[in-house]
PDB file of N, CA and C in Angstrom:
ATOM      1  N   UNK A   1       0.848  -1.164   0.000  1.00  0.00           N
ATOM      2  CA  UNK A   1       0.000   0.000   0.000  1.00  0.00           C
ATOM      3  C   UNK A   1       0.909   1.248   0.000  1.00  0.00           C
ATOM      4  N   UNK A   2       0.634   2.223  -0.885  1.00  0.00           N
ATOM      5  CA  UNK A   2       1.471   3.422  -0.930  1.00  0.00           C
ATOM      6  C   UNK A   2       1.282   4.276   0.328  1.00  0.00           C
ATOM      7  N   UNK A   3       2.305   5.020   0.730  1.00  0.00           N
ATOM      8  CA  UNK A   3       2.208   5.802   1.973  1.00  0.00           C
ATOM      9  C   UNK A   3       1.122   6.887   1.934  1.00  0.00           C
ATOM     10  N   UNK A   4       0.797   7.423   0.765  1.00  0.00           N
ATOM     11  CA  UNK A   4      -0.200   8.482   0.686  1.00  0.00           C
ATOM     12  C   UNK A   4      -1.570   7.969   0.246  1.00  0.00           C
ATOM     13  N   UNK A   5      -1.808   6.688   0.350  1.00  0.00           N
ATOM     14  CA  UNK A   5      -3.065   6.081  -0.096  1.00  0.00           C
ATOM     15  C   UNK A   5      -4.284   6.723   0.591  1.00  0.00           C
ATOM     16  N   UNK A   6      -4.235   6.830   1.901  1.00  0.00           N
ATOM     17  CA  UNK A   6      -5.373   7.383   2.642  1.00  0.00           C
ATOM     18  C   UNK A   6      -5.580   8.856   2.317  1.00  0.00           C
ATOM     19  N   UNK A   7      -4.490   9.623   2.190  1.00  0.00           N
ATOM     20  CA  UNK A   7      -4.606  11.047   1.907  1.00  0.00           C
ATOM     21  C   UNK A   7      -5.164  11.294   0.504  1.00  0.00           C
ATOM     22  N   UNK A   8      -4.735  10.514  -0.467  1.00  0.00           N
ATOM     23  CA  UNK A   8      -5.252  10.664  -1.832  1.00  0.00           C
ATOM     24  C   UNK A   8      -6.743  10.343  -1.873  1.00  0.00           C
ATOM     25  N   UNK A   9      -7.160   9.311  -1.173  1.00  0.00           N
ATOM     26  CA  UNK A   9      -8.587   8.988  -1.089  1.00  0.00           C
ATOM     27  C   UNK A   9      -9.377  10.103  -0.415  1.00  0.00           C
ATOM     28  N   UNK A  10      -8.802  10.705   0.633  1.00  0.00           N
ATOM     29  CA  UNK A  10      -9.451  11.834   1.304  1.00  0.00           C
ATOM     30  C   UNK A  10      -9.625  13.003   0.341  1.00  0.00           C
ATOM     31  N   UNK A  11      -8.584  13.315  -0.425  1.00  0.00           N
ATOM     32  CA  UNK A  11      -8.666  14.418  -1.393  1.00  0.00           C
ATOM     33  C   UNK A  11      -9.729  14.173  -2.455  1.00  0.00           C
ATOM     34  N   UNK A  12      -9.824  12.966  -2.956  1.00  0.00           N
ATOM     35  CA  UNK A  12     -10.826  12.685  -3.990  1.00  0.00           C
ATOM     36  C   UNK A  12     -12.238  12.658  -3.410  1.00  0.00           C
ATOM     37  N   UNK A  13     -12.387  12.186  -2.170  1.00  0.00           N
ATOM     38  CA  UNK A  13     -13.696  12.099  -1.548  1.00  0.00           C
ATOM     39  C   UNK A  13     -14.271  13.478  -1.211  1.00  0.00           C
ATOM     40  N   UNK A  14     -13.413  14.410  -0.770  1.00  0.00           N
ATOM     41  CA  UNK A  14     -13.878  15.730  -0.332  1.00  0.00           C
ATOM     42  C   UNK A  14     -13.363  16.851  -1.229  1.00  0.00           C
ATOM     43  N   UNK A  15     -13.174  16.581  -2.495  1.00  0.00           N
ATOM     44  CA  UNK A  15     -12.622  17.571  -3.420  1.00  0.00           C
ATOM     45  C   UNK A  15     -13.511  18.807  -3.546  1.00  0.00           C
ATOM     46  N   UNK A  16     -14.838  18.646  -3.452  1.00  0.00           N
ATOM     47  CA  UNK A  16     -15.735  19.788  -3.629  1.00  0.00           C
ATOM     48  C   UNK A  16     -15.749  20.723  -2.425  1.00  0.00           C
ATOM     49  N   UNK A  17     -15.335  20.276  -1.234  1.00  0.00           N
ATOM     50  CA  UNK A  17     -15.348  21.131  -0.054  1.00  0.00           C
ATOM     51  C   UNK A  17     -13.974  21.669   0.323  1.00  0.00           C
ATOM     52  N   UNK A  18     -12.910  21.106  -0.197  1.00  0.00           N
ATOM     53  CA  UNK A  18     -11.569  21.569   0.123  1.00  0.00           C
ATOM     54  C   UNK A  18     -11.188  22.760  -0.750  1.00  0.00           C
ATOM     55  N   UNK A  19     -10.328  23.612  -0.231  1.00  0.00           N
ATOM     56  CA  UNK A  19      -9.857  24.771  -0.980  1.00  0.00           C
ATOM     57  C   UNK A  19      -8.831  24.327  -2.006  1.00  0.00           C
ATOM     58  N   UNK A  20      -8.973  24.852  -3.209  1.00  0.00           N
ATOM     59  CA  UNK A  20      -8.042  24.535  -4.291  1.00  0.00           C
ATOM     60  C   UNK A  20      -6.690  25.186  -3.991  1.00  0.00           C
ATOM     61  N   UNK A  21      -5.603  24.409  -3.917  1.00  0.00           N
ATOM     62  CA  UNK A  21      -4.297  25.001  -3.591  1.00  0.00           C
ATOM     63  C   UNK A  21      -3.791  25.960  -4.665  1.00  0.00           C
ATOM     64  N   UNK A  22      -4.305  25.870  -5.889  1.00  0.00           N
ATOM     65  CA  UNK A  22      -3.847  26.786  -6.941  1.00  0.00           C
ATOM     66  C   UNK A  22      -4.683  28.065  -6.988  1.00  0.00           C
ATOM     67  N   UNK A  23      -5.690  28.199  -6.130  1.00  0.00           N
ATOM     68  CA  UNK A  23      -6.530  29.399  -6.094  1.00  0.00           C
ATOM     69  C   UNK A  23      -5.712  30.573  -5.552  1.00  0.00           C
ATOM     70  N   UNK A  24      -6.011  31.804  -5.997  1.00  0.00           N
ATOM     71  CA  UNK A  24      -5.264  32.965  -5.482  1.00  0.00           C
ATOM     72  C   UNK A  24      -5.559  33.192  -4.008  1.00  0.00           C
ATOM     73  N   UNK A  25      -4.614  33.814  -3.315  1.00  0.00           N
ATOM     74  CA  UNK A  25      -4.776  34.061  -1.885  1.00  0.00           C
ATOM     75  C   UNK A  25      -5.878  35.084  -1.653  1.00  0.00           C
ATOM     76  N   UNK A  26      -6.642  34.881  -0.575  1.00  0.00           N
ATOM     77  CA  UNK A  26      -7.727  35.787  -0.233  1.00  0.00           C
ATOM     78  C   UNK A  26      -7.223  36.873   0.705  1.00  0.00           C
ATOM     79  N   UNK A  27      -7.895  38.015   0.686  1.00  0.00           N
ATOM     80  CA  UNK A  27      -7.545  39.119   1.580  1.00  0.00           C
ATOM     81  C   UNK A  27      -8.764  39.517   2.387  1.00  0.00           C
ATOM     82  N   UNK A  28      -8.538  40.172   3.506  1.00  0.00           N
ATOM     83  CA  UNK A  28      -9.630  40.616   4.363  1.00  0.00           C
ATOM     84  C   UNK A  28     -10.451  41.686   3.638  1.00  0.00           C
ATOM     85  N   UNK A  29      -9.798  42.524   2.840  1.00  0.00           N
ATOM     86  CA  UNK A  29     -10.502  43.590   2.130  1.00  0.00           C
ATOM     87  C   UNK A  29     -11.498  43.042   1.106  1.00  0.00           C
ATOM     88  N   UNK A  30     -11.295  41.840   0.630  1.00  0.00           N
ATOM     89  CA  UNK A  30     -12.192  41.280  -0.386  1.00  0.00           C
ATOM     90  C   UNK A  30     -13.424  40.592   0.214  1.00  0.00           C
ATOM     91  N   UNK A  31     -13.509  40.483   1.518  1.00  0.00           N
ATOM     92  CA  UNK A  31     -14.639  39.827   2.159  1.00  0.00           C
ATOM     93  C   UNK A  31     -15.855  40.747   2.099  1.00  0.00           C
ATOM     94  N   UNK A  32     -16.973  40.221   1.693  1.00  0.00           N
ATOM     95  CA  UNK A  32     -18.230  40.957   1.616  1.00  0.00           C
ATOM     96  C   UNK A  32     -19.245  40.272   2.525  1.00  0.00           C
ATOM     97  N   UNK A  33     -20.054  41.070   3.213  1.00  0.00           N
ATOM     98  CA  UNK A  33     -21.071  40.518   4.089  1.00  0.00           C
ATOM     99  C   UNK A  33     -22.363  41.308   3.924  1.00  0.00           C
ATOM    100  N   UNK A  34     -23.506  40.751   4.295  1.00  0.00           N
ATOM    101  CA  UNK A  34     -24.784  41.439   4.114  1.00  0.00           C
ATOM    102  C   UNK A  34     -24.840  42.758   4.895  1.00  0.00           C
ATOM    103  N   UNK A  35     -25.435  43.768   4.298  1.00  0.00           N
ATOM    104  CA  UNK A  35     -25.638  45.090   4.910  1.00  0.00           C
ATOM    105  C   UNK A  35     -24.347  45.806   5.273  1.00  0.00           C
ATOM    106  N   UNK A  36     -23.254  45.489   4.610  1.00  0.00           N
ATOM    107  CA  UNK A  36     -22.004  46.154   4.951  1.00  0.00           C
ATOM    108  C   UNK A  36     -22.002  47.627   4.561  1.00  0.00           C
ATOM    109  N   UNK A  37     -22.844  48.030   3.613  1.00  0.00           N
ATOM    110  CA  UNK A  37     -22.915  49.425   3.203  1.00  0.00           C
ATOM    111  C   UNK A  37     -24.070  50.170   3.877  1.00  0.00           C
ATOM    112  N   UNK A  38     -24.763  49.523   4.792  1.00  0.00           N
ATOM    113  CA  UNK A  38     -25.875  50.163   5.491  1.00  0.00           C
ATOM    114  C   UNK A  38     -25.328  51.253   6.409  1.00  0.00           C
ATOM    115  N   UNK A  39     -26.060  52.348   6.559  1.00  0.00           N
ATOM    116  CA  UNK A  39     -25.571  53.479   7.349  1.00  0.00           C
ATOM    117  C   UNK A  39     -25.373  53.134   8.823  1.00  0.00           C
ATOM    118  N   UNK A  40     -26.095  52.162   9.335  1.00  0.00           N
ATOM    119  CA  UNK A  40     -25.945  51.820  10.755  1.00  0.00           C
ATOM    120  C   UNK A  40     -24.660  51.047  11.045  1.00  0.00           C
ATOM    121  N   UNK A  41     -23.983  50.552  10.013  1.00  0.00           N
ATOM    122  CA  UNK A  41     -22.729  49.839  10.237  1.00  0.00           C
ATOM    123  C   UNK A  41     -21.516  50.754  10.120  1.00  0.00           C
ATOM    124  N   UNK A  42     -21.725  51.999   9.724  1.00  0.00           N
ATOM    125  CA  UNK A  42     -20.627  52.961   9.617  1.00  0.00           C
ATOM    126  C   UNK A  42     -20.467  53.687  10.952  1.00  0.00           C
ATOM    127  N   UNK A  43     -19.264  53.749  11.486  1.00  0.00           N
ATOM    128  CA  UNK A  43     -19.076  54.405  12.782  1.00  0.00           C
ATOM    129  C   UNK A  43     -19.209  55.920  12.690  1.00  0.00           C
ATOM    130  N   UNK A  44     -19.797  56.530  13.735  1.00  0.00           N
ATOM    131  CA  UNK A  44     -19.844  57.989  13.825  1.00  0.00           C
ATOM    132  C   UNK A  44     -18.496  58.526  14.292  1.00  0.00           C
ATOM    133  N   UNK A  45     -17.957  57.875  15.297  1.00  0.00           N
ATOM    134  CA  UNK A  45     -16.645  58.244  15.850  1.00  0.00           C
ATOM    135  C   UNK A  45     -15.908  56.961  16.184  1.00  0.00           C
ATOM    136  N   UNK A  46     -14.586  57.006  16.068  1.00  0.00           N
ATOM    137  CA  UNK A  46     -13.776  55.866  16.470  1.00  0.00           C
ATOM    138  C   UNK A  46     -12.393  56.358  16.838  1.00  0.00           C
ATOM    139  N   UNK A  47     -11.750  55.651  17.749  1.00  0.00           N
ATOM    140  CA  UNK A  47     -10.403  56.024  18.139  1.00  0.00           C
ATOM    141  C   UNK A  47      -9.975  55.334  19.413  1.00  0.00           C
ATOM    142  N   UNK A  48      -8.730  55.573  19.774  1.00  0.00           N
ATOM    143  CA  UNK A  48      -8.145  54.978  20.968  1.00  0.00           C
ATOM    144  C   UNK A  48      -8.319  55.923  22.146  1.00  0.00           C
ATOM    145  N   UNK A  49      -8.737  55.374  23.274  1.00  0.00           N
ATOM    146  CA  UNK A  49      -8.884  56.131  24.506  1.00  0.00           C
ATOM    147  C   UNK A  49      -8.072  55.467  25.601  1.00  0.00           C
ATOM    148  N   UNK A  50      -7.504  56.277  26.474  1.00  0.00           N
ATOM    149  CA  UNK A  50      -6.804  55.757  27.648  1.00  0.00           C
ATOM    150  C   UNK A  50      -7.665  56.080  28.866  1.00  0.00           C
ATOM    151  N   UNK A  51      -8.093  55.041  29.570  1.00  0.00           N
ATOM    152  CA  UNK A  51      -8.917  55.215  30.764  1.00  0.00           C
ATOM    153  C   UNK A  51      -8.075  54.955  32.002  1.00  0.00           C
ATOM    154  N   UNK A  52      -8.299  55.741  33.038  1.00  0.00           N
ATOM    155  CA  UNK A  52      -7.592  55.538  34.294  1.00  0.00           C
ATOM    156  C   UNK A  52      -8.330  54.488  35.108  1.00  0.00           C
ATOM    157  N   UNK A  53      -7.608  53.469  35.558  1.00  0.00           N
ATOM    158  CA  UNK A  53      -8.205  52.418  36.367  1.00  0.00           C
ATOM    159  C   UNK A  53      -8.576  52.914  37.750  1.00  0.00           C
ATOM    160  N   UNK A  54      -9.583  52.305  38.362  1.00  0.00           N
ATOM    161  CA  UNK A  54     -10.046  52.738  39.683  1.00  0.00           C
ATOM    162  C   UNK A  54      -9.167  52.204  40.811  1.00  0.00           C
ATOM    163  N   UNK A  55      -8.650  51.014  40.650  1.00  0.00           N
ATOM    164  CA  UNK A  55      -7.896  50.397  41.740  1.00  0.00           C
ATOM    165  C   UNK A  55      -6.402  50.708  41.643  1.00  0.00           C
ATOM    166  N   UNK A  56      -5.815  50.436  40.479  1.00  0.00           N
ATOM    167  CA  UNK A  56      -4.364  50.593  40.335  1.00  0.00           C
ATOM    168  C   UNK A  56      -3.949  51.998  39.885  1.00  0.00           C
ATOM    169  N   UNK A  57      -4.894  52.825  39.470  1.00  0.00           N
ATOM    170  CA  UNK A  57      -4.632  54.184  38.991  1.00  0.00           C
ATOM    171  C   UNK A  57      -3.682  54.220  37.798  1.00  0.00           C
ATOM    172  N   UNK A  58      -3.646  53.137  37.048  1.00  0.00           N
ATOM    173  CA  UNK A  58      -2.841  53.106  35.831  1.00  0.00           C
ATOM    174  C   UNK A  58      -3.770  53.281  34.635  1.00  0.00           C
ATOM    175  N   UNK A  59      -3.207  53.656  33.504  1.00  0.00           N
ATOM    176  CA  UNK A  59      -4.013  53.897  32.316  1.00  0.00           C
ATOM    177  C   UNK A  59      -4.091  52.639  31.462  1.00  0.00           C
ATOM    178  N   UNK A  60      -5.293  52.327  30.983  1.00  0.00           N
ATOM    179  CA  UNK A  60      -5.532  51.198  30.093  1.00  0.00           C
ATOM    180  C   UNK A  60      -6.064  51.742  28.773  1.00  0.00           C
ATOM    181  N   UNK A  61      -5.421  51.360  27.670  1.00  0.00           N
ATOM    182  CA  UNK A  61      -5.857  51.828  26.359  1.00  0.00           C
ATOM    183  C   UNK A  61      -6.740  50.788  25.694  1.00  0.00           C
ATOM    184  N   UNK A  62      -7.727  51.265  24.963  1.00  0.00           N
ATOM    185  CA  UNK A  62      -8.606  50.403  24.188  1.00  0.00           C
ATOM    186  C   UNK A  62      -9.107  51.215  22.999  1.00  0.00           C
ATOM    187  N   UNK A  63      -9.661  50.533  22.023  1.00  0.00           N
ATOM    188  CA  UNK A  63     -10.167  51.166  20.813  1.00  0.00           C
ATOM    189  C   UNK A  63     -11.684  51.197  20.915  1.00  0.00           C
ATOM    190  N   UNK A  64     -12.280  52.374  20.763  1.00  0.00           N
ATOM    191  CA  UNK A  64     -13.723  52.542  20.922  1.00  0.00           C
ATOM    192  C   UNK A  64     -14.357  53.000  19.616  1.00  0.00           C
ATOM    193  N   UNK A  65     -15.590  52.539  19.382  1.00  0.00           N
ATOM    194  CA  UNK A  65     -16.358  52.922  18.199  1.00  0.00           C
ATOM    195  C   UNK A  65     -17.772  53.280  18.662  1.00  0.00           C
ATOM    196  N   UNK A  66     -18.272  54.447  18.212  1.00  0.00           N
ATOM    197  CA  UNK A  66     -19.645  54.861  18.471  1.00  0.00           C
ATOM    198  C   UNK A  66     -20.425  54.680  17.176  1.00  0.00           C
ATOM    199  N   UNK A  67     -21.530  53.930  17.234  1.00  0.00           N
ATOM    200  CA  UNK A  67     -22.336  53.647  16.045  1.00  0.00           C
ATOM    201  C   UNK A  67     -23.538  54.584  15.995  1.00  0.00           C
ATOM    202  N   UNK A  68     -24.192  54.705  14.833  1.00  0.00           N
ATOM    203  CA  UNK A  68     -25.393  55.541  14.736  1.00  0.00           C
ATOM    204  C   UNK A  68     -26.524  55.101  15.657  1.00  0.00           C
ATOM    205  N   UNK A  69     -26.517  53.867  16.117  1.00  0.00           N
ATOM    206  CA  UNK A  69     -27.536  53.368  17.046  1.00  0.00           C
ATOM    207  C   UNK A  69     -27.242  53.757  18.485  1.00  0.00           C
ATOM    208  N   UNK A  70     -26.263  54.617  18.677  1.00  0.00           N
ATOM    209  CA  UNK A  70     -25.840  55.120  19.995  1.00  0.00           C
ATOM    210  C   UNK A  70     -25.279  54.017  20.882  1.00  0.00           C
ATOM    211  N   UNK A  71     -24.553  53.103  20.279  1.00  0.00           N
ATOM    212  CA  UNK A  71     -23.846  52.074  21.043  1.00  0.00           C
ATOM    213  C   UNK A  71     -22.370  52.402  21.064  1.00  0.00           C
ATOM    214  N   UNK A  72     -21.737  52.157  22.188  1.00  0.00           N
ATOM    215  CA  UNK A  72     -20.302  52.324  22.326  1.00  0.00           C
ATOM    216  C   UNK A  72     -19.699  50.933  22.380  1.00  0.00           C
ATOM    217  N   UNK A  73     -18.857  50.610  21.396  1.00  0.00           N
ATOM    218  CA  UNK A  73     -18.212  49.303  21.331  1.00  0.00           C
ATOM    219  C   UNK A  73     -16.763  49.462  21.741  1.00  0.00           C
ATOM    220  N   UNK A  74     -16.280  48.577  22.601  1.00  0.00           N
ATOM    221  CA  UNK A  74     -14.894  48.597  23.043  1.00  0.00           C
ATOM    222  C   UNK A  74     -14.176  47.408  22.449  1.00  0.00           C
ATOM    223  N   UNK A  75     -13.006  47.656  21.859  1.00  0.00           N
ATOM    224  CA  UNK A  75     -12.148  46.613  21.315  1.00  0.00           C
ATOM    225  C   UNK A  75     -10.815  46.687  22.038  1.00  0.00           C
ATOM    226  N   UNK A  76     -10.143  45.568  22.158  1.00  0.00           N
ATOM    227  CA  UNK A  76      -8.870  45.538  22.869  1.00  0.00           C
ATOM    228  C   UNK A  76      -7.771  46.292  22.125  1.00  0.00           C
ATOM    229  N   UNK A  77      -7.809  46.295  20.787  1.00  0.00           N
ATOM    230  CA  UNK A  77      -6.808  47.020  20.006  1.00  0.00           C
ATOM    231  C   UNK A  77      -7.439  47.530  18.724  1.00  0.00           C
ATOM    232  N   UNK A  78      -6.652  48.196  17.877  1.00  0.00           N
ATOM    233  CA  UNK A  78      -7.198  48.793  16.661  1.00  0.00           C
ATOM    234  C   UNK A  78      -7.547  47.761  15.609  1.00  0.00           C
ATOM    235  N   UNK A  79      -7.118  46.526  15.774  1.00  0.00           N
ATOM    236  CA  UNK A  79      -7.513  45.456  14.861  1.00  0.00           C
ATOM    237  C   UNK A  79      -8.932  45.048  15.249  1.00  0.00           C
ATOM    238  N   UNK A  80      -9.913  45.748  14.711  1.00  0.00           N
ATOM    239  CA  UNK A  80     -11.310  45.592  15.118  1.00  0.00           C
ATOM    240  C   UNK A  80     -11.813  44.218  14.698  1.00  0.00           C
ATOM    241  N   UNK A  81     -12.124  43.424  15.700  1.00  0.00           N
ATOM    242  CA  UNK A  81     -12.632  42.083  15.437  1.00  0.00           C
ATOM    243  C   UNK A  81     -14.155  42.115  15.380  1.00  0.00           C
ATOM    244  N   UNK A  82     -14.784  41.053  14.879  1.00  0.00           N
ATOM    245  CA  UNK A  82     -16.235  41.052  14.790  1.00  0.00           C
ATOM    246  C   UNK A  82     -16.961  40.928  16.121  1.00  0.00           C
ATOM    247  N   UNK A  83     -16.259  40.652  17.189  1.00  0.00           N
ATOM    248  CA  UNK A  83     -16.950  40.495  18.465  1.00  0.00           C
ATOM    249  C   UNK A  83     -16.438  41.515  19.473  1.00  0.00           C
ATOM    250  N   UNK A  84     -17.048  42.705  19.519  1.00  0.00           N
ATOM    251  CA  UNK A  84     -16.604  43.710  20.479  1.00  0.00           C
ATOM    252  C   UNK A  84     -17.104  43.404  21.876  1.00  0.00           C
ATOM    253  N   UNK A  85     -16.524  44.075  22.835  1.00  0.00           N
ATOM    254  CA  UNK A  85     -17.026  44.019  24.199  1.00  0.00           C
ATOM    255  C   UNK A  85     -18.180  45.008  24.266  1.00  0.00           C
ATOM    256  N   UNK A  86     -19.392  44.538  24.427  1.00  0.00           N
ATOM    257  CA  UNK A  86     -20.558  45.420  24.379  1.00  0.00           C
ATOM    258  C   UNK A  86     -20.727  46.167  25.686  1.00  0.00           C
ATOM    259  N   UNK A  87     -20.887  47.455  25.565  1.00  0.00           N
ATOM    260  CA  UNK A  87     -21.152  48.314  26.704  1.00  0.00           C
ATOM    261  C   UNK A  87     -22.594  48.802  26.595  1.00  0.00           C
ATOM    262  N   UNK A  88     -23.178  49.363  27.650  1.00  0.00           N
ATOM    263  CA  UNK A  88     -24.559  49.837  27.561  1.00  0.00           C
ATOM    264  C   UNK A  88     -24.699  50.982  26.560  1.00  0.00           C
ATOM    265  N   UNK A  89     -25.939  51.279  26.196  1.00  0.00           N
ATOM    266  CA  UNK A  89     -26.192  52.371  25.252  1.00  0.00           C
ATOM    267  C   UNK A  89     -25.610  53.671  25.793  1.00  0.00           C
ATOM    268  N   UNK A  90     -25.046  54.485  24.898  1.00  0.00           N
ATOM    269  CA  UNK A  90     -24.423  55.743  25.308  1.00  0.00           C
ATOM    270  C   UNK A  90     -25.417  56.664  25.998  1.00  0.00           C
ATOM    271  N   UNK A  91     -26.652  56.729  25.493  1.00  0.00           N
ATOM    272  CA  UNK A  91     -27.644  57.612  26.098  1.00  0.00           C
ATOM    273  C   UNK A  91     -27.981  57.146  27.518  1.00  0.00           C
ATOM    274  N   UNK A  92     -27.958  55.833  27.751  1.00  0.00           N
ATOM    275  CA  UNK A  92     -28.213  55.309  29.096  1.00  0.00           C
ATOM    276  C   UNK A  92     -27.088  55.687  30.045  1.00  0.00           C
ATOM    277  N   UNK A  93     -25.851  55.684  29.544  1.00  0.00           N
ATOM    278  CA  UNK A  93     -24.702  56.058  30.367  1.00  0.00           C
ATOM    279  C   UNK A  93     -24.794  57.517  30.772  1.00  0.00           C
ATOM    280  N   UNK A  94     -25.158  58.381  29.811  1.00  0.00           N
ATOM    281  CA  UNK A  94     -25.250  59.809  30.082  1.00  0.00           C
ATOM    282  C   UNK A  94     -26.367  60.087  31.100  1.00  0.00           C
ATOM    283  N   UNK A  95     -27.483  59.374  30.983  1.00  0.00           N
ATOM    284  CA  UNK A  95     -28.605  59.580  31.889  1.00  0.00           C
ATOM    285  C   UNK A  95     -28.262  59.127  33.305  1.00  0.00           C
ATOM    286  N   UNK A  96     -27.472  58.057  33.428  1.00  0.00           N
ATOM    287  CA  UNK A  96     -27.148  57.542  34.756  1.00  0.00           C
ATOM    288  C   UNK A  96     -26.115  58.400  35.475  1.00  0.00           C
ATOM    289  N   UNK A  97     -25.329  59.193  34.706  1.00  0.00           N
ATOM    290  CA  UNK A  97     -24.312  60.029  35.325  1.00  0.00           C
ATOM    291  C   UNK A  97     -24.893  61.355  35.811  1.00  0.00           C
ATOM    292  N   UNK A  98     -26.090  61.715  35.382  1.00  0.00           N
ATOM    293  CA  UNK A  98     -26.685  62.999  35.782  1.00  0.00           C
ATOM    294  C   UNK A  98     -27.329  62.914  37.131  1.00  0.00           C
TER     295      UNK A  98
END
């Protein structure tokens, strides 16, 4: 039995679901998703903020995005991932501080 017998059978069995090795490399910029051009997915404001900690009094930096739906999303760094740390609605925060 040849050493690659099982692997060759695997390739032929699942050829329609495996990625073609001769296909061009994909980029993040080429990814398209539903409603990506909708106005609610475009940030109103975004940037890095340094917050002072309550216990250690040291500064912690994070990347924040404010959406048109008045949500403040916190990300650990500027490489914005699809799963932000959700914070309460901005209007709720402002009302609770008054």
